[in-house]
Amino acid sequence: MLQNSYIMVAIILIINIVYVSFFTTRMILTLKGYRYIAAFVSMFEIVIYVVGLGLVLDNLNQIQNVIAYAVGYGIGVIVGMKIEEKLALGYITVNVITKEYDKALPGQLRERGYGVTNWEANGLEGNRMMLQILTPRKYEIRLYDTIKELDPKAFIIAYEPKTIHGGFWVKQVRSIRKGKIKK
């Protein structure tokens, strides 16, 4: 009897981790505009949800099942976020403000395969260079490392653009996707 109780807790825990991982991934896919993939994922998600919830409701008199359900939910959120990090869907726009006005920096970044728009900016301590760089999210950390290597004192801020249309960036991002980015 006790062994069956442990097995039930383990099953509920695992089912909920899988369910919430699917749920988190589906929500992110929906927010990123991958509606058909999100709809496909939701079919698996709901089957897993119904099975897991059914197990808990059938054994509601055993508190360890409810606790396993709750713990599985929390772990599932973390697992779903890790999955999304690995998928790295979408693009990131990185704004960089240099410590010194460095005319060579945009060219160095372009040589490494990044699309860069730059202009002169004025800061508290004088002229700076402002750069705007678009890259797929899967290259985000590599871009940060490159910027820090070229200008360790640069101020970096990033955000996810909702819409990208036209210009050099679209062509450049396509070439980055085809593996032309240099390390």
N, C-alpha and C. Protein backbone atom coordinates (compact mmCIF):
# COMPACT_ATOMS: atom_id res chain seq x y z
N MET A 1 0.81 -1.21 0.00
CA MET A 1 0.00 0.00 0.00
C MET A 1 0.85 1.27 0.00
N LEU A 2 1.90 1.28 0.87
CA LEU A 2 2.77 2.43 0.97
C LEU A 2 3.54 2.65 -0.34
N GLN A 3 3.95 1.53 -0.95
CA GLN A 3 4.69 1.62 -2.22
C GLN A 3 3.80 2.21 -3.31
N ASN A 4 2.52 1.81 -3.35
CA ASN A 4 1.58 2.37 -4.33
C ASN A 4 1.41 3.87 -4.12
N SER A 5 1.44 4.30 -2.87
CA SER A 5 1.32 5.71 -2.54
C SER A 5 2.50 6.50 -3.11
N TYR A 6 3.71 5.96 -2.98
CA TYR A 6 4.91 6.61 -3.53
C TYR A 6 4.86 6.65 -5.06
N ILE A 7 4.41 5.58 -5.64
CA ILE A 7 4.31 5.52 -7.10
C ILE A 7 3.31 6.57 -7.59
N MET A 8 2.18 6.68 -6.90
CA MET A 8 1.16 7.66 -7.29
C MET A 8 1.72 9.08 -7.19
N VAL A 9 2.43 9.39 -6.11
CA VAL A 9 3.04 10.71 -5.94
C VAL A 9 4.02 10.99 -7.08
N ALA A 10 4.86 10.00 -7.41
CA ALA A 10 5.85 10.16 -8.48
C ALA A 10 5.16 10.39 -9.83
N ILE A 11 4.10 9.64 -10.09
CA ILE A 11 3.38 9.79 -11.37
C ILE A 11 2.75 11.18 -11.46
N ILE A 12 2.10 11.61 -10.40
CA ILE A 12 1.46 12.94 -10.40
C ILE A 12 2.52 14.03 -10.57
N LEU A 13 3.63 13.91 -9.88
CA LEU A 13 4.72 14.88 -9.98
C LEU A 13 5.22 14.97 -11.41
N ILE A 14 5.53 13.84 -12.00
CA ILE A 14 6.07 13.80 -13.37
C ILE A 14 5.05 14.33 -14.38
N ILE A 15 3.80 13.89 -14.24
CA ILE A 15 2.77 14.36 -15.17
C ILE A 15 2.64 15.88 -15.10
N ASN A 16 2.66 16.44 -13.92
CA ASN A 16 2.49 17.89 -13.81
C ASN A 16 3.72 18.65 -14.31
N ILE A 17 4.90 18.10 -14.10
CA ILE A 17 6.10 18.74 -14.66
C ILE A 17 5.99 18.79 -16.17
N VAL A 18 5.60 17.68 -16.78
CA VAL A 18 5.46 17.62 -18.24
C VAL A 18 4.35 18.57 -18.71
N TYR A 19 3.20 18.53 -18.02
CA TYR A 19 2.08 19.39 -18.40
C TYR A 19 2.46 20.87 -18.36
N VAL A 20 3.04 21.31 -17.26
CA VAL A 20 3.34 22.74 -17.12
C VAL A 20 4.48 23.14 -18.05
N SER A 21 5.39 22.23 -18.35
CA SER A 21 6.44 22.53 -19.34
C SER A 21 5.80 22.78 -20.70
N PHE A 22 4.85 21.94 -21.08
CA PHE A 22 4.12 22.15 -22.33
C PHE A 22 3.34 23.47 -22.27
N PHE A 23 2.68 23.73 -21.15
CA PHE A 23 1.90 24.95 -20.98
C PHE A 23 2.79 26.19 -21.15
N THR A 24 3.93 26.20 -20.46
CA THR A 24 4.84 27.35 -20.54
C THR A 24 5.36 27.53 -21.96
N THR A 25 5.75 26.43 -22.58
CA THR A 25 6.26 26.49 -23.96
C THR A 25 5.17 26.98 -24.91
N ARG A 26 3.96 26.48 -24.73
CA ARG A 26 2.85 26.91 -25.59
C ARG A 26 2.57 28.39 -25.44
N MET A 27 2.60 28.89 -24.22
CA MET A 27 2.35 30.32 -24.00
C MET A 27 3.42 31.16 -24.69
N ILE A 28 4.66 30.75 -24.59
CA ILE A 28 5.75 31.50 -25.22
C ILE A 28 5.62 31.44 -26.74
N LEU A 29 5.29 30.26 -27.27
CA LEU A 29 5.08 30.14 -28.71
C LEU A 29 3.95 31.06 -29.17
N THR A 30 2.90 31.13 -28.38
CA THR A 30 1.77 32.00 -28.72
C THR A 30 2.20 33.46 -28.72
N LEU A 31 2.93 33.87 -27.70
CA LEU A 31 3.38 35.26 -27.61
C LEU A 31 4.34 35.63 -28.73
N LYS A 32 5.11 34.66 -29.22
CA LYS A 32 6.08 34.92 -30.29
C LYS A 32 5.45 34.82 -31.68
N GLY A 33 4.16 34.46 -31.74
CA GLY A 33 3.47 34.42 -33.03
C GLY A 33 3.50 33.07 -33.72
N TYR A 34 3.92 32.01 -33.06
CA TYR A 34 3.93 30.67 -33.64
C TYR A 34 2.61 29.96 -33.31
N ARG A 35 1.51 30.50 -33.83
CA ARG A 35 0.19 30.05 -33.41
C ARG A 35 -0.12 28.61 -33.77
N TYR A 36 0.31 28.13 -34.94
CA TYR A 36 -0.03 26.75 -35.33
C TYR A 36 0.77 25.73 -34.52
N ILE A 37 2.02 26.04 -34.26
CA ILE A 37 2.83 25.16 -33.42
C ILE A 37 2.27 25.16 -32.00
N ALA A 38 1.85 26.34 -31.52
CA ALA A 38 1.26 26.45 -30.18
C ALA A 38 -0.03 25.63 -30.10
N ALA A 39 -0.84 25.67 -31.14
CA ALA A 39 -2.08 24.89 -31.14
C ALA A 39 -1.78 23.39 -31.12
N PHE A 40 -0.76 22.98 -31.85
CA PHE A 40 -0.37 21.57 -31.88
C PHE A 40 0.13 21.12 -30.50
N VAL A 41 0.96 21.93 -29.87
CA VAL A 41 1.48 21.63 -28.53
C VAL A 41 0.33 21.56 -27.53
N SER A 42 -0.68 22.42 -27.69
CA SER A 42 -1.79 22.46 -26.73
C SER A 42 -2.60 21.17 -26.72
N MET A 43 -2.62 20.45 -27.84
CA MET A 43 -3.35 19.18 -27.87
C MET A 43 -2.72 18.17 -26.91
N PHE A 44 -1.39 18.09 -26.91
CA PHE A 44 -0.70 17.20 -25.98
C PHE A 44 -0.84 17.71 -24.54
N GLU A 45 -0.73 19.01 -24.41
CA GLU A 45 -0.82 19.64 -23.09
C GLU A 45 -2.12 19.29 -22.38
N ILE A 46 -3.24 19.40 -23.08
CA ILE A 46 -4.54 19.19 -22.44
C ILE A 46 -4.76 17.73 -22.08
N VAL A 47 -4.27 16.80 -22.89
CA VAL A 47 -4.39 15.38 -22.55
C VAL A 47 -3.62 15.07 -21.27
N ILE A 48 -2.41 15.58 -21.18
CA ILE A 48 -1.59 15.37 -19.99
C ILE A 48 -2.26 16.02 -18.77
N TYR A 49 -2.83 17.20 -18.95
CA TYR A 49 -3.51 17.92 -17.86
C TYR A 49 -4.70 17.11 -17.33
N VAL A 50 -5.52 16.61 -18.22
CA VAL A 50 -6.71 15.87 -17.81
C VAL A 50 -6.32 14.60 -17.05
N VAL A 51 -5.32 13.89 -17.54
CA VAL A 51 -4.86 12.67 -16.86
C VAL A 51 -4.33 13.00 -15.46
N GLY A 52 -3.47 14.00 -15.37
CA GLY A 52 -2.88 14.38 -14.08
C GLY A 52 -3.91 14.87 -13.09
N LEU A 53 -4.81 15.74 -13.54
CA LEU A 53 -5.85 16.26 -12.66
C LEU A 53 -6.80 15.15 -12.23
N GLY A 54 -7.09 14.25 -13.15
CA GLY A 54 -7.96 13.11 -12.81
C GLY A 54 -7.36 12.26 -11.71
N LEU A 55 -6.06 12.01 -11.78
CA LEU A 55 -5.40 11.22 -10.74
C LEU A 55 -5.50 11.90 -9.38
N VAL A 56 -5.31 13.21 -9.36
CA VAL A 56 -5.38 13.95 -8.10
C VAL A 56 -6.82 13.95 -7.57
N LEU A 57 -7.78 14.22 -8.43
CA LEU A 57 -9.17 14.29 -7.98
C LEU A 57 -9.70 12.93 -7.52
N ASP A 58 -9.24 11.85 -8.16
CA ASP A 58 -9.64 10.51 -7.73
C ASP A 58 -9.07 10.14 -6.38
N ASN A 59 -7.95 10.80 -6.00
CA ASN A 59 -7.28 10.49 -4.74
C ASN A 59 -7.13 11.75 -3.89
N LEU A 60 -8.15 12.55 -3.88
CA LEU A 60 -8.10 13.84 -3.18
C LEU A 60 -7.97 13.70 -1.66
N ASN A 61 -8.30 12.55 -1.15
CA ASN A 61 -8.20 12.33 0.29
C ASN A 61 -6.76 12.14 0.76
N GLN A 62 -5.82 12.06 -0.16
CA GLN A 62 -4.42 11.87 0.20
C GLN A 62 -3.65 13.15 -0.12
N ILE A 63 -3.28 13.87 0.92
CA ILE A 63 -2.67 15.20 0.80
C ILE A 63 -1.37 15.17 0.01
N GLN A 64 -0.63 14.06 0.08
CA GLN A 64 0.64 13.98 -0.63
C GLN A 64 0.44 14.09 -2.15
N ASN A 65 -0.72 13.69 -2.66
CA ASN A 65 -1.00 13.82 -4.09
C ASN A 65 -1.20 15.28 -4.48
N VAL A 66 -1.88 16.03 -3.63
CA VAL A 66 -2.09 17.46 -3.88
C VAL A 66 -0.75 18.19 -3.81
N ILE A 67 0.07 17.83 -2.83
CA ILE A 67 1.40 18.44 -2.70
C ILE A 67 2.26 18.11 -3.92
N ALA A 68 2.22 16.84 -4.37
CA ALA A 68 2.98 16.45 -5.56
C ALA A 68 2.52 17.25 -6.78
N TYR A 69 1.21 17.48 -6.88
CA TYR A 69 0.66 18.26 -7.99
C TYR A 69 1.21 19.69 -7.96
N ALA A 70 1.21 20.29 -6.77
CA ALA A 70 1.70 21.67 -6.62
C ALA A 70 3.20 21.77 -6.89
N VAL A 71 3.97 20.84 -6.34
CA VAL A 71 5.43 20.84 -6.55
C VAL A 71 5.74 20.60 -8.03
N GLY A 72 5.03 19.68 -8.65
CA GLY A 72 5.22 19.43 -10.09
C GLY A 72 4.93 20.65 -10.92
N TYR A 73 3.92 21.42 -10.52
CA TYR A 73 3.58 22.65 -11.23
C TYR A 73 4.74 23.64 -11.17
N GLY A 74 5.29 23.85 -9.97
CA GLY A 74 6.41 24.78 -9.81
C GLY A 74 7.64 24.35 -10.60
N ILE A 75 7.97 23.07 -10.52
CA ILE A 75 9.13 22.56 -11.27
C ILE A 75 8.87 22.67 -12.77
N GLY A 76 7.62 22.42 -13.19
CA GLY A 76 7.27 22.52 -14.60
C GLY A 76 7.47 23.91 -15.18
N VAL A 77 7.19 24.93 -14.39
CA VAL A 77 7.42 26.31 -14.84
C VAL A 77 8.90 26.52 -15.13
N ILE A 78 9.75 26.05 -14.23
CA ILE A 78 11.20 26.20 -14.41
C ILE A 78 11.66 25.41 -15.63
N VAL A 79 11.20 24.18 -15.78
CA VAL A 79 11.59 23.34 -16.92
C VAL A 79 11.11 23.99 -18.22
N GLY A 80 9.88 24.50 -18.24
CA GLY A 80 9.36 25.18 -19.44
C GLY A 80 10.19 26.39 -19.83
N MET A 81 10.63 27.14 -18.82
CA MET A 81 11.48 28.32 -19.11
C MET A 81 12.84 27.89 -19.65
N LYS A 82 13.38 26.81 -19.14
CA LYS A 82 14.67 26.29 -19.64
C LYS A 82 14.52 25.84 -21.09
N ILE A 83 13.40 25.20 -21.40
CA ILE A 83 13.14 24.77 -22.79
C ILE A 83 13.10 25.99 -23.70
N GLU A 84 12.40 27.04 -23.26
CA GLU A 84 12.31 28.25 -24.07
C GLU A 84 13.68 28.89 -24.26
N GLU A 85 14.50 28.88 -23.23
CA GLU A 85 15.87 29.42 -23.35
C GLU A 85 16.65 28.66 -24.42
N LYS A 86 16.49 27.35 -24.44
CA LYS A 86 17.20 26.52 -25.44
C LYS A 86 16.66 26.77 -26.84
N LEU A 87 15.34 26.96 -26.97
CA LEU A 87 14.77 27.24 -28.27
C LEU A 87 15.19 28.62 -28.77
N ALA A 88 15.30 29.60 -27.86
CA ALA A 88 15.72 30.97 -28.16
C ALA A 88 15.00 31.52 -29.39
N LEU A 89 13.70 31.52 -29.32
CA LEU A 89 12.88 31.99 -30.43
C LEU A 89 12.92 33.51 -30.55
N GLY A 90 12.86 33.99 -31.78
CA GLY A 90 12.75 35.42 -32.01
C GLY A 90 14.10 36.12 -32.12
N TYR A 91 14.03 37.43 -32.01
CA TYR A 91 15.19 38.29 -32.19
C TYR A 91 15.37 39.18 -30.97
N ILE A 92 16.54 39.74 -30.88
CA ILE A 92 16.85 40.67 -29.81
C ILE A 92 17.47 41.92 -30.45
N THR A 93 17.08 43.08 -29.98
CA THR A 93 17.72 44.32 -30.40
C THR A 93 18.56 44.79 -29.23
N VAL A 94 19.81 45.05 -29.51
CA VAL A 94 20.76 45.45 -28.47
C VAL A 94 21.20 46.88 -28.77
N ASN A 95 21.01 47.75 -27.79
CA ASN A 95 21.52 49.12 -27.88
C ASN A 95 22.79 49.20 -27.05
N VAL A 96 23.81 49.78 -27.64
CA VAL A 96 25.11 49.89 -26.98
C VAL A 96 25.53 51.35 -26.97
N ILE A 97 25.95 51.84 -25.82
CA ILE A 97 26.53 53.18 -25.72
C ILE A 97 27.97 52.99 -25.28
N THR A 98 28.89 53.46 -26.12
CA THR A 98 30.31 53.25 -25.83
C THR A 98 30.80 54.27 -24.79
N LYS A 99 31.86 53.90 -24.11
CA LYS A 99 32.47 54.82 -23.14
C LYS A 99 33.21 55.94 -23.88
N GLU A 100 33.89 55.58 -24.94
CA GLU A 100 34.62 56.53 -25.80
C GLU A 100 34.02 56.46 -27.21
N TYR A 101 34.16 57.53 -27.97
CA TYR A 101 33.68 57.51 -29.35
C TYR A 101 34.67 56.69 -30.17
N ASP A 102 34.29 55.47 -30.53
CA ASP A 102 35.19 54.54 -31.22
C ASP A 102 34.65 54.26 -32.62
N LYS A 103 35.26 54.92 -33.61
CA LYS A 103 34.79 54.77 -34.99
C LYS A 103 34.98 53.36 -35.53
N ALA A 104 35.91 52.59 -34.98
CA ALA A 104 36.20 51.25 -35.49
C ALA A 104 35.20 50.19 -35.01
N LEU A 105 34.53 50.45 -33.90
CA LEU A 105 33.66 49.43 -33.29
C LEU A 105 32.55 48.92 -34.22
N PRO A 106 31.79 49.79 -34.89
CA PRO A 106 30.74 49.26 -35.78
C PRO A 106 31.31 48.34 -36.87
N GLY A 107 32.44 48.72 -37.43
CA GLY A 107 33.07 47.89 -38.46
C GLY A 107 33.51 46.54 -37.92
N GLN A 108 34.05 46.54 -36.71
CA GLN A 108 34.48 45.28 -36.10
C GLN A 108 33.29 44.35 -35.87
N LEU A 109 32.17 44.92 -35.47
CA LEU A 109 30.97 44.10 -35.28
C LEU A 109 30.41 43.61 -36.62
N ARG A 110 30.45 44.48 -37.63
CA ARG A 110 29.97 44.07 -38.96
C ARG A 110 30.84 42.95 -39.53
N GLU A 111 32.15 43.02 -39.31
CA GLU A 111 33.05 41.96 -39.78
C GLU A 111 32.70 40.61 -39.15
N ARG A 112 32.11 40.65 -37.98
CA ARG A 112 31.72 39.41 -37.28
C ARG A 112 30.30 38.98 -37.63
N GLY A 113 29.68 39.68 -38.58
CA GLY A 113 28.39 39.24 -39.10
C GLY A 113 27.16 39.92 -38.54
N TYR A 114 27.33 40.94 -37.71
CA TYR A 114 26.19 41.62 -37.11
C TYR A 114 25.81 42.84 -37.93
N GLY A 115 24.50 43.10 -38.03
CA GLY A 115 24.00 44.32 -38.64
C GLY A 115 24.02 45.42 -37.60
N VAL A 116 24.70 46.52 -37.91
CA VAL A 116 24.87 47.59 -36.92
C VAL A 116 24.46 48.92 -37.53
N THR A 117 23.66 49.67 -36.79
CA THR A 117 23.38 51.06 -37.13
C THR A 117 24.00 51.88 -36.01
N ASN A 118 24.75 52.91 -36.37
CA ASN A 118 25.40 53.70 -35.32
C ASN A 118 25.24 55.19 -35.59
N TRP A 119 25.35 55.96 -34.51
CA TRP A 119 25.27 57.41 -34.60
C TRP A 119 25.96 58.02 -33.39
N GLU A 120 26.23 59.31 -33.49
CA GLU A 120 26.88 60.01 -32.39
C GLU A 120 25.83 60.40 -31.35
N ALA A 121 26.21 60.22 -30.10
CA ALA A 121 25.33 60.58 -28.98
C ALA A 121 26.13 61.41 -27.99
N ASN A 122 25.44 62.18 -27.18
CA ASN A 122 26.10 63.00 -26.16
C ASN A 122 25.71 62.49 -24.79
N GLY A 123 26.74 62.20 -23.99
CA GLY A 123 26.52 61.76 -22.62
C GLY A 123 26.98 62.81 -21.65
N LEU A 124 26.91 62.48 -20.38
CA LEU A 124 27.30 63.41 -19.33
C LEU A 124 28.75 63.85 -19.49
N GLU A 125 29.60 62.90 -19.90
CA GLU A 125 31.03 63.18 -20.00
C GLU A 125 31.51 63.41 -21.43
N GLY A 126 30.61 63.70 -22.36
CA GLY A 126 31.03 64.01 -23.72
C GLY A 126 30.43 63.09 -24.77
N ASN A 127 31.08 63.07 -25.95
CA ASN A 127 30.58 62.30 -27.08
C ASN A 127 30.72 60.81 -26.84
N ARG A 128 29.71 60.13 -27.27
CA ARG A 128 29.65 58.67 -27.21
C ARG A 128 29.19 58.19 -28.58
N MET A 129 29.32 56.90 -28.79
CA MET A 129 28.74 56.31 -29.98
C MET A 129 27.58 55.43 -29.53
N MET A 130 26.48 55.54 -30.23
CA MET A 130 25.31 54.70 -29.97
C MET A 130 25.22 53.70 -31.10
N LEU A 131 25.03 52.44 -30.74
CA LEU A 131 24.90 51.39 -31.74
C LEU A 131 23.60 50.64 -31.49
N GLN A 132 22.98 50.24 -32.57
CA GLN A 132 21.79 49.40 -32.48
C GLN A 132 22.05 48.16 -33.32
N ILE A 133 21.89 46.99 -32.69
CA ILE A 133 22.26 45.72 -33.32
C ILE A 133 21.08 44.76 -33.21
N LEU A 134 20.73 44.12 -34.31
CA LEU A 134 19.68 43.12 -34.33
C LEU A 134 20.31 41.75 -34.53
N THR A 135 19.90 40.77 -33.72
CA THR A 135 20.44 39.43 -33.86
C THR A 135 19.41 38.41 -33.39
N PRO A 136 19.44 37.20 -33.93
CA PRO A 136 18.57 36.15 -33.38
C PRO A 136 18.93 35.91 -31.91
N ARG A 137 17.94 35.56 -31.10
CA ARG A 137 18.17 35.38 -29.66
C ARG A 137 19.20 34.31 -29.36
N LYS A 138 19.34 33.33 -30.24
CA LYS A 138 20.30 32.27 -29.94
C LYS A 138 21.74 32.78 -29.99
N TYR A 139 21.97 33.96 -30.56
CA TYR A 139 23.32 34.56 -30.60
C TYR A 139 23.48 35.68 -29.58
N GLU A 140 22.48 35.87 -28.71
CA GLU A 140 22.47 36.98 -27.77
C GLU A 140 23.70 37.00 -26.87
N ILE A 141 24.00 35.92 -26.23
CA ILE A 141 25.13 35.86 -25.29
C ILE A 141 26.45 36.06 -26.03
N ARG A 142 26.55 35.48 -27.21
CA ARG A 142 27.76 35.65 -28.01
C ARG A 142 27.97 37.12 -28.38
N LEU A 143 26.87 37.81 -28.70
CA LEU A 143 26.96 39.24 -29.00
C LEU A 143 27.43 40.03 -27.79
N TYR A 144 26.85 39.76 -26.62
CA TYR A 144 27.27 40.45 -25.40
C TYR A 144 28.76 40.24 -25.15
N ASP A 145 29.21 39.00 -25.30
CA ASP A 145 30.63 38.70 -25.07
C ASP A 145 31.51 39.45 -26.06
N THR A 146 31.07 39.52 -27.32
CA THR A 146 31.83 40.25 -28.34
C THR A 146 31.92 41.73 -28.00
N ILE A 147 30.80 42.33 -27.60
CA ILE A 147 30.80 43.75 -27.26
C ILE A 147 31.72 44.00 -26.07
N LYS A 148 31.63 43.17 -25.05
CA LYS A 148 32.47 43.33 -23.86
C LYS A 148 33.95 43.16 -24.19
N GLU A 149 34.25 42.28 -25.14
CA GLU A 149 35.63 42.08 -25.57
C GLU A 149 36.15 43.33 -26.29
N LEU A 150 35.31 43.93 -27.16
CA LEU A 150 35.73 45.09 -27.95
C LEU A 150 35.66 46.40 -27.16
N ASP A 151 34.72 46.51 -26.23
CA ASP A 151 34.58 47.71 -25.41
C ASP A 151 34.08 47.30 -24.02
N PRO A 152 34.99 46.95 -23.12
CA PRO A 152 34.60 46.45 -21.80
C PRO A 152 33.76 47.42 -20.97
N LYS A 153 33.82 48.72 -21.28
CA LYS A 153 33.07 49.71 -20.49
C LYS A 153 31.77 50.14 -21.17
N ALA A 154 31.37 49.44 -22.22
CA ALA A 154 30.15 49.81 -22.94
C ALA A 154 28.91 49.56 -22.07
N PHE A 155 27.92 50.43 -22.25
CA PHE A 155 26.62 50.26 -21.61
C PHE A 155 25.74 49.50 -22.60
N ILE A 156 25.16 48.40 -22.15
CA ILE A 156 24.38 47.53 -23.04
C ILE A 156 22.97 47.39 -22.48
N ILE A 157 21.99 47.57 -23.37
CA ILE A 157 20.60 47.33 -23.00
C ILE A 157 19.95 46.60 -24.17
N ALA A 158 19.10 45.61 -23.86
CA ALA A 158 18.50 44.80 -24.92
C ALA A 158 17.00 44.69 -24.72
N TYR A 159 16.31 44.48 -25.83
CA TYR A 159 14.87 44.26 -25.78
C TYR A 159 14.47 43.44 -27.00
N GLU A 160 13.28 42.85 -26.93
CA GLU A 160 12.79 42.05 -28.05
C GLU A 160 11.86 42.90 -28.91
N PRO A 161 12.21 43.08 -30.18
CA PRO A 161 11.32 43.83 -31.07
C PRO A 161 10.10 42.98 -31.43
N LYS A 162 8.96 43.63 -31.56
CA LYS A 162 7.73 42.91 -31.93
C LYS A 162 7.64 42.73 -33.44
N THR A 163 8.05 43.75 -34.19
CA THR A 163 7.94 43.70 -35.65
C THR A 163 9.26 44.13 -36.27
N ILE A 164 9.68 43.41 -37.30
CA ILE A 164 10.88 43.76 -38.07
C ILE A 164 10.47 43.75 -39.53
N HIS A 165 10.79 44.84 -40.24
CA HIS A 165 10.42 44.91 -41.64
C HIS A 165 11.46 45.72 -42.40
N GLY A 166 11.91 45.18 -43.53
CA GLY A 166 12.75 45.90 -44.46
C GLY A 166 14.14 46.23 -43.97
N GLY A 167 14.87 46.94 -44.81
CA GLY A 167 16.20 47.41 -44.47
C GLY A 167 17.26 46.34 -44.55
N PHE A 168 18.46 46.75 -44.25
CA PHE A 168 19.62 45.87 -44.27
C PHE A 168 19.50 44.78 -43.22
N TRP A 169 18.88 45.10 -42.09
CA TRP A 169 18.78 44.16 -40.97
C TRP A 169 18.15 42.83 -41.39
N VAL A 170 17.07 42.88 -42.15
CA VAL A 170 16.37 41.66 -42.53
C VAL A 170 17.30 40.76 -43.33
N LYS A 171 18.04 41.32 -44.29
CA LYS A 171 18.99 40.52 -45.07
C LYS A 171 20.11 39.99 -44.18
N GLN A 172 20.62 40.84 -43.30
CA GLN A 172 21.72 40.45 -42.42
C GLN A 172 21.30 39.33 -41.47
N VAL A 173 20.11 39.43 -40.93
CA VAL A 173 19.62 38.39 -40.01
C VAL A 173 19.47 37.08 -40.74
N ARG A 174 19.02 37.12 -41.99
CA ARG A 174 18.91 35.88 -42.76
C ARG A 174 20.27 35.24 -42.96
N SER A 175 21.31 36.05 -43.22
CA SER A 175 22.65 35.48 -43.40
C SER A 175 23.19 34.94 -42.09
N ILE A 176 22.84 35.56 -40.97
CA ILE A 176 23.25 35.05 -39.67
C ILE A 176 22.59 33.69 -39.43
N ARG A 177 21.31 33.56 -39.80
CA ARG A 177 20.60 32.30 -39.61
C ARG A 177 21.24 31.18 -40.43
N LYS A 178 21.84 31.53 -41.56
CA LYS A 178 22.46 30.52 -42.40
C LYS A 178 23.87 30.16 -41.93
N GLY A 179 24.25 30.65 -40.76
CA GLY A 179 25.51 30.25 -40.15
C GLY A 179 26.71 31.08 -40.54
N LYS A 180 26.52 32.28 -41.03
CA LYS A 180 27.65 33.09 -41.48
C LYS A 180 28.22 33.97 -40.37
N ILE A 181 27.74 33.82 -39.15
CA ILE A 181 28.23 34.63 -38.04
C ILE A 181 29.63 34.15 -37.64
N LYS A 182 30.52 35.07 -37.41
CA LYS A 182 31.90 34.72 -37.05
C LYS A 182 32.09 34.79 -35.56
N LYS A 183 32.88 33.89 -35.07
CA LYS A 183 33.16 33.87 -33.64
C LYS A 183 34.25 34.83 -33.26
